[in-house]
PDB file of N, CA and C in Angstrom:
ATOM      1  N   MET A   1     -78.268  16.543 -89.616  1.00  0.00           N
ATOM      2  CA  MET A   1     -79.007  15.761 -88.654  1.00  0.00           C
ATOM      3  C   MET A   1     -79.213  16.534 -87.350  1.00  0.00           C
ATOM      4  N   ILE A   2     -78.181  17.215 -86.890  1.00  0.00           N
ATOM      5  CA  ILE A   2     -78.285  17.994 -85.658  1.00  0.00           C
ATOM      6  C   ILE A   2     -79.262  19.145 -85.839  1.00  0.00           C
ATOM      7  N   ASN A   3     -79.261  19.757 -87.029  1.00  0.00           N
ATOM      8  CA  ASN A   3     -80.185  20.849 -87.294  1.00  0.00           C
ATOM      9  C   ASN A   3     -81.632  20.375 -87.246  1.00  0.00           C
ATOM     10  N   LYS A   4     -81.900  19.178 -87.734  1.00  0.00           N
ATOM     11  CA  LYS A   4     -83.259  18.642 -87.685  1.00  0.00           C
ATOM     12  C   LYS A   4     -83.694  18.376 -86.250  1.00  0.00           C
ATOM     13  N   MET A   5     -82.794  17.918 -85.409  1.00  0.00           N
ATOM     14  CA  MET A   5     -83.115  17.684 -84.001  1.00  0.00           C
ATOM     15  C   MET A   5     -83.402  19.008 -83.290  1.00  0.00           C
ATOM     16  N   LYS A   6     -82.634  20.034 -83.595  1.00  0.00           N
ATOM     17  CA  LYS A   6     -82.875  21.349 -83.007  1.00  0.00           C
ATOM     18  C   LYS A   6     -84.228  21.893 -83.452  1.00  0.00           C
ATOM     19  N   ALA A   7     -84.576  21.654 -84.715  1.00  0.00           N
ATOM     20  CA  ALA A   7     -85.847  22.148 -85.248  1.00  0.00           C
ATOM     21  C   ALA A   7     -87.030  21.498 -84.536  1.00  0.00           C
ATOM     22  N   LEU A   8     -86.886  20.254 -84.125  1.00  0.00           N
ATOM     23  CA  LEU A   8     -87.969  19.589 -83.408  1.00  0.00           C
ATOM     24  C   LEU A   8     -88.276  20.270 -82.079  1.00  0.00           C
ATOM     25  N   PHE A   9     -87.260  20.768 -81.410  1.00  0.00           N
ATOM     26  CA  PHE A   9     -87.456  21.394 -80.108  1.00  0.00           C
ATOM     27  C   PHE A   9     -87.827  22.867 -80.203  1.00  0.00           C
ATOM     28  N   THR A  10     -87.486  23.519 -81.289  1.00  0.00           N
ATOM     29  CA  THR A  10     -87.765  24.944 -81.408  1.00  0.00           C
ATOM     30  C   THR A  10     -88.999  25.233 -82.249  1.00  0.00           C
ATOM     31  N   GLU A  11     -89.530  24.243 -82.920  1.00  0.00           N
ATOM     32  CA  GLU A  11     -90.699  24.456 -83.769  1.00  0.00           C
ATOM     33  C   GLU A  11     -91.927  24.704 -82.900  1.00  0.00           C
ATOM     34  N   GLU A  12     -92.687  25.738 -83.218  1.00  0.00           N
ATOM     35  CA  GLU A  12     -93.847  26.112 -82.423  1.00  0.00           C
ATOM     36  C   GLU A  12     -95.164  25.823 -83.131  1.00  0.00           C
ATOM     37  N   GLN A  13     -95.140  25.267 -84.291  1.00  0.00           N
ATOM     38  CA  GLN A  13     -96.362  24.971 -85.023  1.00  0.00           C
ATOM     39  C   GLN A  13     -97.120  23.864 -84.291  1.00  0.00           C
ATOM     40  N   GLY A  14     -98.404  24.093 -84.031  1.00  0.00           N
ATOM     41  CA  GLY A  14     -99.225  23.107 -83.335  1.00  0.00           C
ATOM     42  C   GLY A  14     -99.174  23.230 -81.826  1.00  0.00           C
ATOM     43  N   GLN A  15     -98.427  24.191 -81.327  1.00  0.00           N
ATOM     44  CA  GLN A  15     -98.293  24.354 -79.891  1.00  0.00           C
ATOM     45  C   GLN A  15     -99.621  24.768 -79.253  1.00  0.00           C
ATOM     46  N   GLY A  16    -100.367  25.632 -79.916  1.00  0.00           N
ATOM     47  CA  GLY A  16    -101.642  26.100 -79.372  1.00  0.00           C
ATOM     48  C   GLY A  16    -102.639  24.975 -79.189  1.00  0.00           C
ATOM     49  N   MET A  17    -102.730  24.099 -80.168  1.00  0.00           N
ATOM     50  CA  MET A  17    -103.672  22.979 -80.062  1.00  0.00           C
ATOM     51  C   MET A  17    -103.266  22.028 -78.945  1.00  0.00           C
ATOM     52  N   THR A  18    -101.996  21.846 -78.745  1.00  0.00           N
ATOM     53  CA  THR A  18    -101.523  20.995 -77.652  1.00  0.00           C
ATOM     54  C   THR A  18    -101.910  21.590 -76.305  1.00  0.00           C
ATOM     55  N   GLU A  19    -101.762  22.898 -76.187  1.00  0.00           N
ATOM     56  CA  GLU A  19    -102.136  23.553 -74.933  1.00  0.00           C
ATOM     57  C   GLU A  19    -103.633  23.447 -74.689  1.00  0.00           C
ATOM     58  N   TYR A  20    -104.444  23.635 -75.725  1.00  0.00           N
ATOM     59  CA  TYR A  20    -105.885  23.475 -75.571  1.00  0.00           C
ATOM     60  C   TYR A  20    -106.235  22.051 -75.165  1.00  0.00           C
ATOM     61  N   GLY A  21    -105.552  21.087 -75.735  1.00  0.00           N
ATOM     62  CA  GLY A  21    -105.792  19.689 -75.375  1.00  0.00           C
ATOM     63  C   GLY A  21    -105.450  19.411 -73.925  1.00  0.00           C
ATOM     64  N   LEU A  22    -104.342  19.974 -73.452  1.00  0.00           N
ATOM     65  CA  LEU A  22    -103.969  19.792 -72.058  1.00  0.00           C
ATOM     66  C   LEU A  22    -104.978  20.438 -71.108  1.00  0.00           C
ATOM     67  N   VAL A  23    -105.426  21.641 -71.444  1.00  0.00           N
ATOM     68  CA  VAL A  23    -106.425  22.316 -70.615  1.00  0.00           C
ATOM     69  C   VAL A  23    -107.720  21.506 -70.596  1.00  0.00           C
ATOM     70  N   LEU A  24    -108.131  21.013 -71.742  1.00  0.00           N
ATOM     71  CA  LEU A  24    -109.339  20.198 -71.802  1.00  0.00           C
ATOM     72  C   LEU A  24    -109.194  18.927 -70.973  1.00  0.00           C
ATOM     73  N   GLY A  25    -108.022  18.326 -70.999  1.00  0.00           N
ATOM     74  CA  GLY A  25    -107.773  17.135 -70.199  1.00  0.00           C
ATOM     75  C   GLY A  25    -107.848  17.417 -68.709  1.00  0.00           C
ATOM     76  N   VAL A  26    -107.298  18.545 -68.284  1.00  0.00           N
ATOM     77  CA  VAL A  26    -107.352  18.918 -66.868  1.00  0.00           C
ATOM     78  C   VAL A  26    -108.785  19.173 -66.436  1.00  0.00           C
ATOM     79  N   ILE A  27    -109.558  19.839 -67.288  1.00  0.00           N
ATOM     80  CA  ILE A  27    -110.964  20.100 -66.965  1.00  0.00           C
ATOM     81  C   ILE A  27    -111.739  18.790 -66.870  1.00  0.00           C
ATOM     82  N   ALA A  28    -111.483  17.857 -67.773  1.00  0.00           N
ATOM     83  CA  ALA A  28    -112.174  16.567 -67.737  1.00  0.00           C
ATOM     84  C   ALA A  28    -111.825  15.793 -66.467  1.00  0.00           C
ATOM     85  N   VAL A  29    -110.569  15.792 -66.079  1.00  0.00           N
ATOM     86  CA  VAL A  29    -110.172  15.088 -64.850  1.00  0.00           C
ATOM     87  C   VAL A  29    -110.821  15.749 -63.632  1.00  0.00           C
ATOM     88  N   ALA A  30    -110.872  17.069 -63.614  1.00  0.00           N
ATOM     89  CA  ALA A  30    -111.506  17.774 -62.500  1.00  0.00           C
ATOM     90  C   ALA A  30    -112.996  17.465 -62.425  1.00  0.00           C
ATOM     91  N   ALA A  31    -113.672  17.408 -63.576  1.00  0.00           N
ATOM     92  CA  ALA A  31    -115.098  17.103 -63.585  1.00  0.00           C
ATOM     93  C   ALA A  31    -115.362  15.689 -63.075  1.00  0.00           C
ATOM     94  N   VAL A  32    -114.551  14.743 -63.486  1.00  0.00           N
ATOM     95  CA  VAL A  32    -114.711  13.364 -63.009  1.00  0.00           C
ATOM     96  C   VAL A  32    -114.459  13.295 -61.505  1.00  0.00           C
ATOM     97  N   ALA A  33    -113.458  14.014 -61.021  1.00  0.00           N
ATOM     98  CA  ALA A  33    -113.155  14.016 -59.586  1.00  0.00           C
ATOM     99  C   ALA A  33    -114.316  14.600 -58.785  1.00  0.00           C
ATOM    100  N   VAL A  34    -114.893  15.694 -59.275  1.00  0.00           N
ATOM    101  CA  VAL A  34    -116.027  16.312 -58.581  1.00  0.00           C
ATOM    102  C   VAL A  34    -117.221  15.360 -58.570  1.00  0.00           C
ATOM    103  N   LEU A  35    -117.499  14.729 -59.691  1.00  0.00           N
ATOM    104  CA  LEU A  35    -118.615  13.783 -59.731  1.00  0.00           C
ATOM    105  C   LEU A  35    -118.368  12.589 -58.815  1.00  0.00           C
ATOM    106  N   PHE A  36    -117.126  12.149 -58.728  1.00  0.00           N
ATOM    107  CA  PHE A  36    -116.791  11.032 -57.851  1.00  0.00           C
ATOM    108  C   PHE A  36    -116.974  11.429 -56.390  1.00  0.00           C
ATOM    109  N   LEU A  37    -116.514  12.623 -56.035  1.00  0.00           N
ATOM    110  CA  LEU A  37    -116.584  13.057 -54.642  1.00  0.00           C
ATOM    111  C   LEU A  37    -117.994  13.442 -54.210  1.00  0.00           C
ATOM    112  N   LEU A  38    -118.769  14.031 -55.111  1.00  0.00           N
ATOM    113  CA  LEU A  38    -120.111  14.509 -54.768  1.00  0.00           C
ATOM    114  C   LEU A  38    -121.216  13.624 -55.323  1.00  0.00           C
ATOM    115  N   GLY A  39    -120.878  12.462 -55.814  1.00  0.00           N
ATOM    116  CA  GLY A  39    -121.852  11.596 -56.472  1.00  0.00           C
ATOM    117  C   GLY A  39    -123.041  11.238 -55.604  1.00  0.00           C
ATOM    118  N   ASP A  40    -122.789  10.880 -54.350  1.00  0.00           N
ATOM    119  CA  ASP A  40    -123.882  10.483 -53.463  1.00  0.00           C
ATOM    120  C   ASP A  40    -124.826  11.653 -53.182  1.00  0.00           C
ATOM    121  N   GLU A  41    -124.258  12.829 -52.949  1.00  0.00           N
ATOM    122  CA  GLU A  41    -125.090  14.000 -52.677  1.00  0.00           C
ATOM    123  C   GLU A  41    -125.925  14.391 -53.899  1.00  0.00           C
ATOM    124  N   ILE A  42    -125.317  14.292 -55.063  1.00  0.00           N
ATOM    125  CA  ILE A  42    -126.041  14.619 -56.295  1.00  0.00           C
ATOM    126  C   ILE A  42    -127.168  13.620 -56.522  1.00  0.00           C
ATOM    127  N   GLN A  43    -126.907  12.346 -56.292  1.00  0.00           N
ATOM    128  CA  GLN A  43    -127.936  11.322 -56.468  1.00  0.00           C
ATOM    129  C   GLN A  43    -129.085  11.536 -55.479  1.00  0.00           C
ATOM    130  N   THR A  44    -128.763  11.873 -54.240  1.00  0.00           N
ATOM    131  CA  THR A  44    -129.792  12.147 -53.237  1.00  0.00           C
ATOM    132  C   THR A  44    -130.642  13.334 -53.651  1.00  0.00           C
ATOM    133  N   MET A  45    -129.999  14.383 -54.154  1.00  0.00           N
ATOM    134  CA  MET A  45    -130.733  15.572 -54.579  1.00  0.00           C
ATOM    135  C   MET A  45    -131.686  15.244 -55.731  1.00  0.00           C
ATOM    136  N   PHE A  46    -131.205  14.482 -56.724  1.00  0.00           N
ATOM    137  CA  PHE A  46    -132.073  14.128 -57.841  1.00  0.00           C
ATOM    138  C   PHE A  46    -133.218  13.219 -57.400  1.00  0.00           C
ATOM    139  N   ASN A  47    -132.959  12.326 -56.460  1.00  0.00           N
ATOM    140  CA  ASN A  47    -134.027  11.459 -55.957  1.00  0.00           C
ATOM    141  C   ASN A  47    -135.088  12.265 -55.220  1.00  0.00           C
ATOM    142  N   GLU A  48    -134.674  13.277 -54.454  1.00  0.00           N
ATOM    143  CA  GLU A  48    -135.640  14.139 -53.772  1.00  0.00           C
ATOM    144  C   GLU A  48    -136.476  14.925 -54.772  1.00  0.00           C
ATOM    145  N   VAL A  49    -135.839  15.442 -55.809  1.00  0.00           N
ATOM    146  CA  VAL A  49    -136.573  16.181 -56.845  1.00  0.00           C
ATOM    147  C   VAL A  49    -137.557  15.262 -57.551  1.00  0.00           C
ATOM    148  N   LEU A  50    -137.109  14.051 -57.881  1.00  0.00           N
ATOM    149  CA  LEU A  50    -137.982  13.093 -58.549  1.00  0.00           C
ATOM    150  C   LEU A  50    -139.171  12.734 -57.681  1.00  0.00           C
ATOM    151  N   ALA A  51    -138.950  12.493 -56.405  1.00  0.00           N
ATOM    152  CA  ALA A  51    -140.040  12.157 -55.495  1.00  0.00           C
ATOM    153  C   ALA A  51    -141.017  13.325 -55.380  1.00  0.00           C
ATOM    154  N   ASN A  52    -140.500  14.532 -55.339  1.00  0.00           N
ATOM    155  CA  ASN A  52    -141.348  15.721 -55.245  1.00  0.00           C
ATOM    156  C   ASN A  52    -142.195  15.874 -56.501  1.00  0.00           C
ATOM    157  N   VAL A  53    -141.582  15.682 -57.652  1.00  0.00           N
ATOM    158  CA  VAL A  53    -142.322  15.808 -58.914  1.00  0.00           C
ATOM    159  C   VAL A  53    -143.384  14.716 -59.009  1.00  0.00           C
ATOM    160  N   GLN A  54    -143.026  13.498 -58.632  1.00  0.00           N
ATOM    161  CA  GLN A  54    -143.988  12.395 -58.700  1.00  0.00           C
ATOM    162  C   GLN A  54    -145.138  12.601 -57.728  1.00  0.00           C
ATOM    163  N   SER A  55    -144.854  13.120 -56.533  1.00  0.00           N
ATOM    164  CA  SER A  55    -145.937  13.339 -55.571  1.00  0.00           C
ATOM    165  C   SER A  55    -146.868  14.448 -56.047  1.00  0.00           C
ATOM    166  N   ARG A  56    -146.327  15.480 -56.634  1.00  0.00           N
ATOM    167  CA  ARG A  56    -147.176  16.561 -57.148  1.00  0.00           C
ATOM    168  C   ARG A  56    -147.953  16.112 -58.384  1.00  0.00           C
ATOM    169  N   ALA A  57    -147.329  15.308 -59.212  1.00  0.00           N
ATOM    170  CA  ALA A  57    -148.027  14.796 -60.394  1.00  0.00           C
ATOM    171  C   ALA A  57    -149.128  13.853 -59.970  1.00  0.00           C
ATOM    172  N   GLY A  58    -148.879  13.047 -58.966  1.00  0.00           N
ATOM    173  CA  GLY A  58    -149.903  12.131 -58.456  1.00  0.00           C
ATOM    174  C   GLY A  58    -151.038  12.883 -57.800  1.00  0.00           C
ATOM    175  N   ALA A  59    -150.756  13.982 -57.162  1.00  0.00           N
ATOM    176  CA  ALA A  59    -151.795  14.779 -56.485  1.00  0.00           C
ATOM    177  C   ALA A  59    -152.703  15.452 -57.502  1.00  0.00           C
ATOM    178  N   THR A  60    -152.169  15.843 -58.651  1.00  0.00           N
ATOM    179  CA  THR A  60    -153.002  16.521 -59.637  1.00  0.00           C
ATOM    180  C   THR A  60    -153.803  15.530 -60.475  1.00  0.00           C
ATOM    181  N   THR A  61    -153.325  14.313 -60.629  1.00  0.00           N
ATOM    182  CA  THR A  61    -154.053  13.347 -61.458  1.00  0.00           C
ATOM    183  C   THR A  61    -155.102  12.584 -60.683  1.00  0.00           C
ATOM    184  N   THR A  62    -155.044  12.591 -59.338  1.00  0.00           N
ATOM    185  CA  THR A  62    -156.024  11.838 -58.552  1.00  0.00           C
ATOM    186  C   THR A  62    -157.271  12.645 -58.269  1.00  0.00           C
ATOM    187  N   THR A  63    -157.260  13.938 -58.519  1.00  0.00           N
ATOM    188  CA  THR A  63    -158.449  14.739 -58.296  1.00  0.00           C
ATOM    189  C   THR A  63    -159.454  14.488 -59.405  1.00  0.00           C
ATOM    190  N   THR A  64    -160.707  14.411 -59.050  1.00  0.00           N
ATOM    191  CA  THR A  64    -161.745  14.188 -60.050  1.00  0.00           C
ATOM    192  C   THR A  64    -162.469  15.500 -60.334  1.00  0.00           C
ATOM    193  N   PRO A  65    -162.820  15.727 -61.572  1.00  0.00           N
ATOM    194  CA  PRO A  65    -163.484  17.005 -61.929  1.00  0.00           C
ATOM    195  C   PRO A  65    -164.921  17.065 -61.486  1.00  0.00           C
TER     196      PRO A  65
END
């Protein structure tokens, strides 16, 4: 029984996948934090781009040949 308990702590099989999972989790938390902190600025930037595209599209479609 003691040998089986020792084997649980010394076994390294699957360790790599666990580390990849932890790294992926940290990256996901960081991405969510960045989106949370910069969300308003990103939304403003996309709204400006959208308005610019719509104004240019409207300018090209209102001209008559």
